[in-house]
C-alpha atoms as a PDB file:
ATOM      1  CA  MET A   1      93.255  24.475 112.951  1.00  0.00           C
ATOM      2  CA  SER A   2      95.443  24.728 115.631  1.00  0.00           C
ATOM      3  CA  ILE A   3      95.174  26.528 119.217  1.00  0.00           C
ATOM      4  CA  ILE A   4      98.145  28.821 118.309  1.00  0.00           C
ATOM      5  CA  SER A   5      96.328  29.825 114.690  1.00  0.00           C
ATOM      6  CA  ILE A   6      93.265  30.609 116.526  1.00  0.00           C
ATOM      7  CA  LYS A   7      94.962  32.781 119.245  1.00  0.00           C
ATOM      8  CA  GLY A   8      96.976  34.544 116.531  1.00  0.00           C
ATOM      9  CA  ASN A   9      93.754  35.342 114.517  1.00  0.00           C
ATOM     10  CA  SER A  10      92.086  36.451 117.605  1.00  0.00           C
ATOM     11  CA  ARG A  11      95.058  38.817 118.477  1.00  0.00           C
ATOM     12  CA  GLN A  12      94.985  40.085 114.866  1.00  0.00           C
ATOM     13  CA  GLU A  13      91.224  41.062 115.050  1.00  0.00           C
ATOM     14  CA  HIS A  14      91.616  42.662 118.346  1.00  0.00           C
ATOM     15  CA  LYS A  15      94.480  44.689 116.985  1.00  0.00           C
ATOM     16  CA  SER A  16      92.297  45.650 113.907  1.00  0.00           C
ATOM     17  CA  LYS A  17      89.470  46.721 115.976  1.00  0.00           C
ATOM     18  CA  LYS A  18      91.737  48.839 118.051  1.00  0.00           C
ATOM     19  CA  ILE A  19      93.104  50.729 115.142  1.00  0.00           C
ATOM     20  CA  ARG A  20      89.724  51.165 113.751  1.00  0.00           C
ATOM     21  CA  ASN A  21      88.395  52.770 116.964  1.00  0.00           C
ATOM     22  CA  ASN A  22      91.698  54.829 116.988  1.00  0.00           C
ATOM     23  CA  THR A  23      91.040  55.956 113.500  1.00  0.00           C
ATOM     24  CA  LYS A  24      87.200  56.779 114.500  1.00  0.00           C
ATOM     25  CA  MET A  25      88.484  58.769 117.564  1.00  0.00           C
ATOM     26  CA  LYS A  26      90.977  60.696 115.503  1.00  0.00           C
ATOM     27  CA  THR A  27      88.499  61.590 112.860  1.00  0.00           C
ATOM     28  CA  PHE A  28      86.109  62.614 115.438  1.00  0.00           C
ATOM     29  CA  GLN A  29      88.673  64.816 116.970  1.00  0.00           C
ATOM     30  CA  LEU A  30      89.598  66.440 113.750  1.00  0.00           C
ATOM     31  CA  MET A  31      85.850  67.183 113.041  1.00  0.00           C
ATOM     32  CA  MET A  32      85.541  69.024 116.420  1.00  0.00           C
ATOM     33  CA  ILE A  33      88.654  71.098 115.799  1.00  0.00           C
ATOM     34  CA  SER A  34      87.552  71.933 112.364  1.00  0.00           C
ATOM     35  CA  PHE A  35      84.104  72.758 113.863  1.00  0.00           C
ATOM     36  CA  LEU A  36      85.533  74.838 116.622  1.00  0.00           C
ATOM     37  CA  PHE A  37      87.820  76.635 114.006  1.00  0.00           C
ATOM     38  CA  VAL A  38      84.910  77.539 111.778  1.00  0.00           C
ATOM     39  CA  ALA A  39      82.742  78.843 114.790  1.00  0.00           C
ATOM     40  CA  ILE A  40      85.865  80.909 116.195  1.00  0.00           C
ATOM     41  CA  THR A  41      86.411  82.329 112.623  1.00  0.00           C
ATOM     42  CA  THR A  42      82.779  83.015 112.102  1.00  0.00           C
ATOM     43  CA  THR A  43      82.413  84.618 115.487  1.00  0.00           C
ATOM     44  CA  SER A  44      85.551  86.635 114.848  1.00  0.00           C
ATOM     45  CA  GLY A  45      84.263  87.917 111.468  1.00  0.00           C
ATOM     46  CA  VAL A  46      80.986  89.182 113.056  1.00  0.00           C
ATOM     47  CA  VAL A  47      82.940  90.804 115.864  1.00  0.00           C
ATOM     48  CA  SER A  48      85.260  92.501 113.159  1.00  0.00           C
ATOM     49  CA  GLU A  49      82.571  93.387 110.782  1.00  0.00           C
ATOM     50  CA  GLY A  50      82.053  97.184 110.546  1.00  0.00           C
ATOM     51  CA  ASN A  51      85.085  98.079 112.403  1.00  0.00           C
ATOM     52  CA  ASP A  52      86.748  99.426 109.245  1.00  0.00           C
ATOM     53  CA  VAL A  53      87.239 103.362 109.215  1.00  0.00           C
ATOM     54  CA  VAL A  54      85.222 105.261 106.639  1.00  0.00           C
ATOM     55  CA  TYR A  55      87.325 107.499 104.563  1.00  0.00           C
ATOM     56  CA  ASP A  56      86.483 110.759 102.616  1.00  0.00           C
ATOM     57  CA  GLY A  57      87.319 111.625  98.977  1.00  0.00           C
ATOM     58  CA  GLU A  58      90.656 113.073 100.091  1.00  0.00           C
ATOM     59  CA  GLY A  59      91.713 109.680 101.759  1.00  0.00           C
ATOM     60  CA  ASP A  60      91.391 110.921 105.232  1.00  0.00           C
ATOM     61  CA  PRO A  61      89.249 109.262 107.989  1.00  0.00           C
ATOM     62  CA  VAL A  62      85.674 110.631 108.286  1.00  0.00           C
ATOM     63  CA  LYS A  63      85.077 112.265 111.493  1.00  0.00           C
ATOM     64  CA  PRO A  64      82.174 112.824 113.596  1.00  0.00           C
ATOM     65  CA  ASN A  65      80.675 116.338 113.974  1.00  0.00           C
ATOM     66  CA  VAL A  66      82.822 117.692 111.167  1.00  0.00           C
ATOM     67  CA  PRO A  67      80.993 119.093 107.848  1.00  0.00           C
ATOM     68  CA  TYR A  68      81.134 117.111 104.797  1.00  0.00           C
ATOM     69  CA  TYR A  69      79.558 117.398 101.576  1.00  0.00           C
ATOM     70  CA  ILE A  70      78.091 114.242 100.124  1.00  0.00           C
ATOM     71  CA  SER A  71      78.328 113.266  96.237  1.00  0.00           C
ATOM     72  CA  PHE A  72      76.852 110.642  94.140  1.00  0.00           C
ATOM     73  CA  MET A  73      79.873 108.493  93.612  1.00  0.00           C
ATOM     74  CA  THR A  74      82.662 110.814  92.921  1.00  0.00           C
ATOM     75  CA  SER A  75      82.698 114.583  92.640  1.00  0.00           C
ATOM     76  CA  ASP A  76      83.263 114.292  88.707  1.00  0.00           C
ATOM     77  CA  TYR A  77      79.492 113.486  88.506  1.00  0.00           C
ATOM     78  CA  ASN A  78      78.653 116.802  89.987  1.00  0.00           C
ATOM     79  CA  MET A  79      75.739 115.453  91.905  1.00  0.00           C
ATOM     80  CA  TRP A  80      75.429 116.611  95.501  1.00  0.00           C
ATOM     81  CA  ILE A  81      73.054 116.191  98.354  1.00  0.00           C
ATOM     82  CA  CYS A  82      71.165 119.627  99.166  1.00  0.00           C
ATOM     83  CA  ARG A  83      68.541 120.812 101.378  1.00  0.00           C
ATOM     84  CA  MET A  84      65.711 122.122  99.322  1.00  0.00           C
ATOM     85  CA  GLN A  85      62.080 121.897  98.793  1.00  0.00           C
ATOM     86  CA  TYR A  86      61.353 119.267  96.007  1.00  0.00           C
ATOM     87  CA  GLY A  87      60.193 120.976  92.886  1.00  0.00           C
ATOM     88  CA  SER A  88      61.564 124.234  93.630  1.00  0.00           C
ATOM     89  CA  THR A  89      64.767 126.130  92.722  1.00  0.00           C
ATOM     90  CA  ASP A  90      64.498 128.677  95.639  1.00  0.00           C
ATOM     91  CA  PRO A  91      66.693 127.678  98.535  1.00  0.00           C
ATOM     92  CA  ASN A  92      64.567 129.433 101.115  1.00  0.00           C
ATOM     93  CA  SER A  93      61.491 127.792  99.971  1.00  0.00           C
ATOM     94  CA  CYS A  94      59.700 125.293 102.521  1.00  0.00           C
ATOM     95  CA  PRO A  95      59.150 122.396 103.328  1.00  0.00           C
ATOM     96  CA  GLN A  96      62.776 121.035 102.750  1.00  0.00           C
ATOM     97  CA  GLN A  97      64.239 117.693 102.677  1.00  0.00           C
ATOM     98  CA  PRO A  98      67.440 115.891 101.526  1.00  0.00           C
ATOM     99  CA  LEU A  99      67.783 115.723  97.753  1.00  0.00           C
ATOM    100  CA  MET A 100      70.376 114.593  95.534  1.00  0.00           C
ATOM    101  CA  VAL A 101      70.629 117.406  92.639  1.00  0.00           C
ATOM    102  CA  THR A 102      72.364 117.098  89.427  1.00  0.00           C
ATOM    103  CA  HIS A 103      74.630 120.194  88.475  1.00  0.00           C
ATOM    104  CA  PRO A 104      73.632 122.486  91.439  1.00  0.00           C
ATOM    105  CA  ASN A 105      74.914 126.050  91.784  1.00  0.00           C
ATOM    106  CA  LEU A 106      77.525 126.766  94.279  1.00  0.00           C
ATOM    107  CA  ALA A 107      75.162 127.825  96.933  1.00  0.00           C
ATOM    108  CA  ALA A 108      73.045 124.787  97.058  1.00  0.00           C
ATOM    109  CA  PRO A 109      75.069 121.584  98.311  1.00  0.00           C
ATOM    110  CA  THR A 110      74.471 121.565 102.014  1.00  0.00           C
ATOM    111  CA  PRO A 111      77.047 119.886 104.270  1.00  0.00           C
ATOM    112  CA  VAL A 112      76.047 117.368 106.760  1.00  0.00           C
ATOM    113  CA  MET A 113      77.661 116.044 110.092  1.00  0.00           C
ATOM    114  CA  PHE A 114      77.580 112.579 111.568  1.00  0.00           C
ATOM    115  CA  VAL A 115      76.627 112.149 115.074  1.00  0.00           C
ATOM    116  CA  LEU A 116      77.673 108.990 116.711  1.00  0.00           C
ATOM    117  CA  ALA A 117      76.210 106.969 119.472  1.00  0.00           C
ATOM    118  CA  ASN A 118      79.610 106.356 120.891  1.00  0.00           C
ATOM    119  CA  LYS A 119      82.597 108.528 121.619  1.00  0.00           C
ATOM    120  CA  SER A 120      84.891 107.274 118.794  1.00  0.00           C
ATOM    121  CA  ASP A 121      86.833 109.962 117.029  1.00  0.00           C
ATOM    122  CA  VAL A 122      86.366 108.472 113.755  1.00  0.00           C
ATOM    123  CA  VAL A 123      83.206 107.025 112.043  1.00  0.00           C
ATOM    124  CA  ARG A 124      83.288 103.293 111.241  1.00  0.00           C
ATOM    125  CA  GLU A 125      81.179 101.158 109.058  1.00  0.00           C
ATOM    126  CA  SER A 126      78.057  99.868 110.364  1.00  0.00           C
ATOM    127  CA  ALA A 127      78.169 102.268 113.406  1.00  0.00           C
ATOM    128  CA  LYS A 128      74.891 103.673 114.401  1.00  0.00           C
ATOM    129  CA  LEU A 129      74.707 107.359 113.550  1.00  0.00           C
ATOM    130  CA  LYS A 130      72.630 110.481 113.039  1.00  0.00           C
ATOM    131  CA  ILE A 131      72.765 112.355 109.837  1.00  0.00           C
ATOM    132  CA  LYS A 132      72.343 116.193 110.303  1.00  0.00           C
ATOM    133  CA  PHE A 133      72.538 119.281 108.045  1.00  0.00           C
ATOM    134  CA  VAL A 134      74.917 121.868 109.196  1.00  0.00           C
ATOM    135  CA  GLY A 135      73.276 125.205 110.135  1.00  0.00           C
ATOM    136  CA  PRO A 136      70.484 126.492 111.972  1.00  0.00           C
ATOM    137  CA  ARG A 137      66.864 125.287 111.935  1.00  0.00           C
ATOM    138  CA  GLN A 138      65.184 126.269 108.667  1.00  0.00           C
ATOM    139  CA  CYS A 139      61.453 125.934 108.057  1.00  0.00           C
ATOM    140  CA  GLY A 140      60.690 125.220 111.543  1.00  0.00           C
ATOM    141  CA  LYS A 141      62.305 121.845 111.349  1.00  0.00           C
ATOM    142  CA  SER A 142      65.770 120.384 112.800  1.00  0.00           C
ATOM    143  CA  GLY A 143      68.332 119.382 110.344  1.00  0.00           C
ATOM    144  CA  PHE A 144      68.279 115.700 111.464  1.00  0.00           C
ATOM    145  CA  TRP A 145      67.501 113.297 108.724  1.00  0.00           C
ATOM    146  CA  LYS A 146      64.723 110.694 109.260  1.00  0.00           C
ATOM    147  CA  VAL A 147      62.568 108.164 107.406  1.00  0.00           C
ATOM    148  CA  VAL A 148      58.757 108.392 107.150  1.00  0.00           C
ATOM    149  CA  GLN A 149      57.357 105.068 106.246  1.00  0.00           C
ATOM    150  CA  ARG A 150      54.914 104.837 103.349  1.00  0.00           C
ATOM    151  CA  ASN A 151      54.453 101.374 103.762  1.00  0.00           C
ATOM    152  CA  SER A 152      56.288  98.226 105.366  1.00  0.00           C
ATOM    153  CA  SER A 153      58.978  98.109 102.709  1.00  0.00           C
ATOM    154  CA  GLU A 154      59.460 101.725 101.675  1.00  0.00           C
ATOM    155  CA  GLY A 155      59.828 105.078 103.084  1.00  0.00           C
ATOM    156  CA  GLU A 156      61.311 108.462 102.283  1.00  0.00           C
ATOM    157  CA  VAL A 157      63.810 110.516 103.832  1.00  0.00           C
ATOM    158  CA  PHE A 158      62.775 113.852 105.350  1.00  0.00           C
ATOM    159  CA  LEU A 159      63.897 116.375 108.076  1.00  0.00           C
ATOM    160  CA  ASN A 160      62.958 117.173 111.576  1.00  0.00           C
ATOM    161  CA  GLY A 161      64.524 113.872 113.044  1.00  0.00           C
ATOM    162  CA  SER A 162      65.643 113.523 116.546  1.00  0.00           C
ATOM    163  CA  LYS A 163      69.228 113.664 117.818  1.00  0.00           C
ATOM    164  CA  SER A 164      68.414 110.872 120.520  1.00  0.00           C
ATOM    165  CA  MET A 165      69.572 107.328 119.636  1.00  0.00           C
ATOM    166  CA  SER A 166      66.399 106.003 120.943  1.00  0.00           C
ATOM    167  CA  HIS A 167      64.457 107.280 117.980  1.00  0.00           C
ATOM    168  CA  ASN A 168      64.844 104.433 115.276  1.00  0.00           C
ATOM    169  CA  ASP A 169      63.397 106.489 112.603  1.00  0.00           C
ATOM    170  CA  SER A 170      66.229 108.742 112.319  1.00  0.00           C
ATOM    171  CA  THR A 171      69.148 106.024 112.922  1.00  0.00           C
ATOM    172  CA  PHE A 172      71.333 105.423 110.039  1.00  0.00           C
ATOM    173  CA  ALA A 173      74.657 103.579 109.110  1.00  0.00           C
ATOM    174  CA  ILE A 174      77.364 103.864 106.473  1.00  0.00           C
ATOM    175  CA  HIS A 175      78.414 100.729 104.722  1.00  0.00           C
ATOM    176  CA  LYS A 176      81.192 100.051 102.105  1.00  0.00           C
ATOM    177  CA  THR A 177      80.066  99.078  98.421  1.00  0.00           C
ATOM    178  CA  ASN A 178      82.787  97.893  95.820  1.00  0.00           C
ATOM    179  CA  GLU A 179      84.334 101.248  95.428  1.00  0.00           C
ATOM    180  CA  TYR A 180      82.101 103.748  97.349  1.00  0.00           C
ATOM    181  CA  TYR A 181      79.709 103.889 100.365  1.00  0.00           C
ATOM    182  CA  LYS A 182      76.000 103.669 101.128  1.00  0.00           C
ATOM    183  CA  PHE A 183      73.769 104.683 103.810  1.00  0.00           C
ATOM    184  CA  THR A 184      71.282 102.178 105.345  1.00  0.00           C
ATOM    185  CA  PHE A 185      68.622 102.935 107.637  1.00  0.00           C
ATOM    186  CA  GLY A 186      67.367 101.238 110.757  1.00  0.00           C
ATOM    187  CA  ASP A 187      69.327  99.296 113.535  1.00  0.00           C
ATOM    188  CA  GLY A 188      67.544  95.981 113.297  1.00  0.00           C
ATOM    189  CA  ASP A 189      68.628  92.638 111.695  1.00  0.00           C
ATOM    190  CA  TYR A 190      67.328  93.691 108.190  1.00  0.00           C
ATOM    191  CA  PRO A 191      68.127  97.470 107.452  1.00  0.00           C
ATOM    192  CA  THR A 192      66.907  99.006 104.509  1.00  0.00           C
ATOM    193  CA  THR A 193      69.118 100.708 101.792  1.00  0.00           C
ATOM    194  CA  ILE A 194      68.865 104.328 100.892  1.00  0.00           C
ATOM    195  CA  SER A 195      68.397 104.755  97.152  1.00  0.00           C
ATOM    196  CA  MET A 196      67.156 107.434  94.964  1.00  0.00           C
ATOM    197  CA  THR A 197      64.243 107.934  92.839  1.00  0.00           C
ATOM    198  CA  ASN A 198      64.293 108.236  88.862  1.00  0.00           C
ATOM    199  CA  ASP A 199      63.286 112.081  88.925  1.00  0.00           C
ATOM    200  CA  TYR A 200      66.131 113.490  86.966  1.00  0.00           C
ATOM    201  CA  PRO A 201      67.782 116.091  87.646  1.00  0.00           C
ATOM    202  CA  ILE A 202      66.749 116.143  91.377  1.00  0.00           C
ATOM    203  CA  TYR A 203      66.341 112.804  93.121  1.00  0.00           C
ATOM    204  CA  ARG A 204      64.486 112.188  96.224  1.00  0.00           C
ATOM    205  CA  LEU A 205      65.892 109.742  98.714  1.00  0.00           C
ATOM    206  CA  LEU A 206      64.093 106.454  99.451  1.00  0.00           C
ATOM    207  CA  SER A 207      64.374 103.785 102.142  1.00  0.00           C
ATOM    208  CA  LYS A 208      63.615 100.432 100.443  1.00  0.00           C
ATOM    209  CA  ARG A 209      64.344  96.632 100.703  1.00  0.00           C
ATOM    210  CA  LEU A 210      65.749  94.712  97.944  1.00  0.00           C
ATOM    211  CA  SER A 211      66.127  97.913  95.957  1.00  0.00           C
ATOM    212  CA  GLY A 212      69.275  99.604  94.310  1.00  0.00           C
ATOM    213  CA  GLU A 213      71.569 101.760  96.235  1.00  0.00           C
ATOM    214  CA  MET A 214      72.847 105.314  96.311  1.00  0.00           C
ATOM    215  CA  GLU A 215      76.607 104.833  96.040  1.00  0.00           C
ATOM    216  CA  ILE A 216      78.260 108.008  97.780  1.00  0.00           C
ATOM    217  CA  TYR A 217      81.486 109.732  98.816  1.00  0.00           C
ATOM    218  CA  PHE A 218      82.229 112.539 101.343  1.00  0.00           C
ATOM    219  CA  TYR A 219      84.280 115.657 100.731  1.00  0.00           C
ATOM    220  CA  LYS A 220      85.426 118.345 103.178  1.00  0.00           C
ATOM    221  CA  ASN A 221      85.626 120.780 100.464  1.00  0.00           C
ATOM    222  CA  LEU A 222      83.170 121.452  97.532  1.00  0.00           C
ATOM    223  CA  THR A 223      84.234 120.961  94.179  1.00  0.00           C
ATOM    224  CA  THR A 224      81.393 121.811  91.696  1.00  0.00           C
ATOM    225  CA  SER A 225      80.489 124.223  88.865  1.00  0.00           C
ATOM    226  CA  GLU A 226      77.495 126.057  87.950  1.00  0.00           C
ATOM    227  CA  GLY A 227      74.730 123.921  86.690  1.00  0.00           C
END
């Protein structure tokens, strides 16, 4: 083999090696760009999650410190949150707790207000908030909702919670479902979902992990009929 041929092969191998190195470098750069894009997108998603405004049944933004009636899904179901004693039809009977009541009479549904931890003029998804029945104290208890734990995985919603945001037993949030909204309880990494018992026609509210959810809507005006 001639010296010219050997030099030509050497140059060709060097050129091929350089191309391979350049290809590896470009591939590495593309991978890094893709990784950064995913990281930015993910971070952006976390930041924006829960910033959506919560809307009421009339299509208006839900506002803090404004009375709203809570219905199961839409008002067509005629199921409303009431402040009552479980097992009693007397609205003045004690003790009282939040209950979802089927076909209540006009006097039974009780509006609530949402008290925010921040100074926002609208209620947003995932925002920490307190849920408070409108009106004066009854049965010697405040109107703030709270969860009393039965065990590590289940609790029940009662009253006499605290308006202080430092009390985790009365910290809730609103999240969007497919069509409606739901309440969650707790401000940790694993909040529980507020669901209902099977006690037709009056349902108690439970805080449970890995359970169903109570899909709800909010209305400024009550639209119901006699049960």
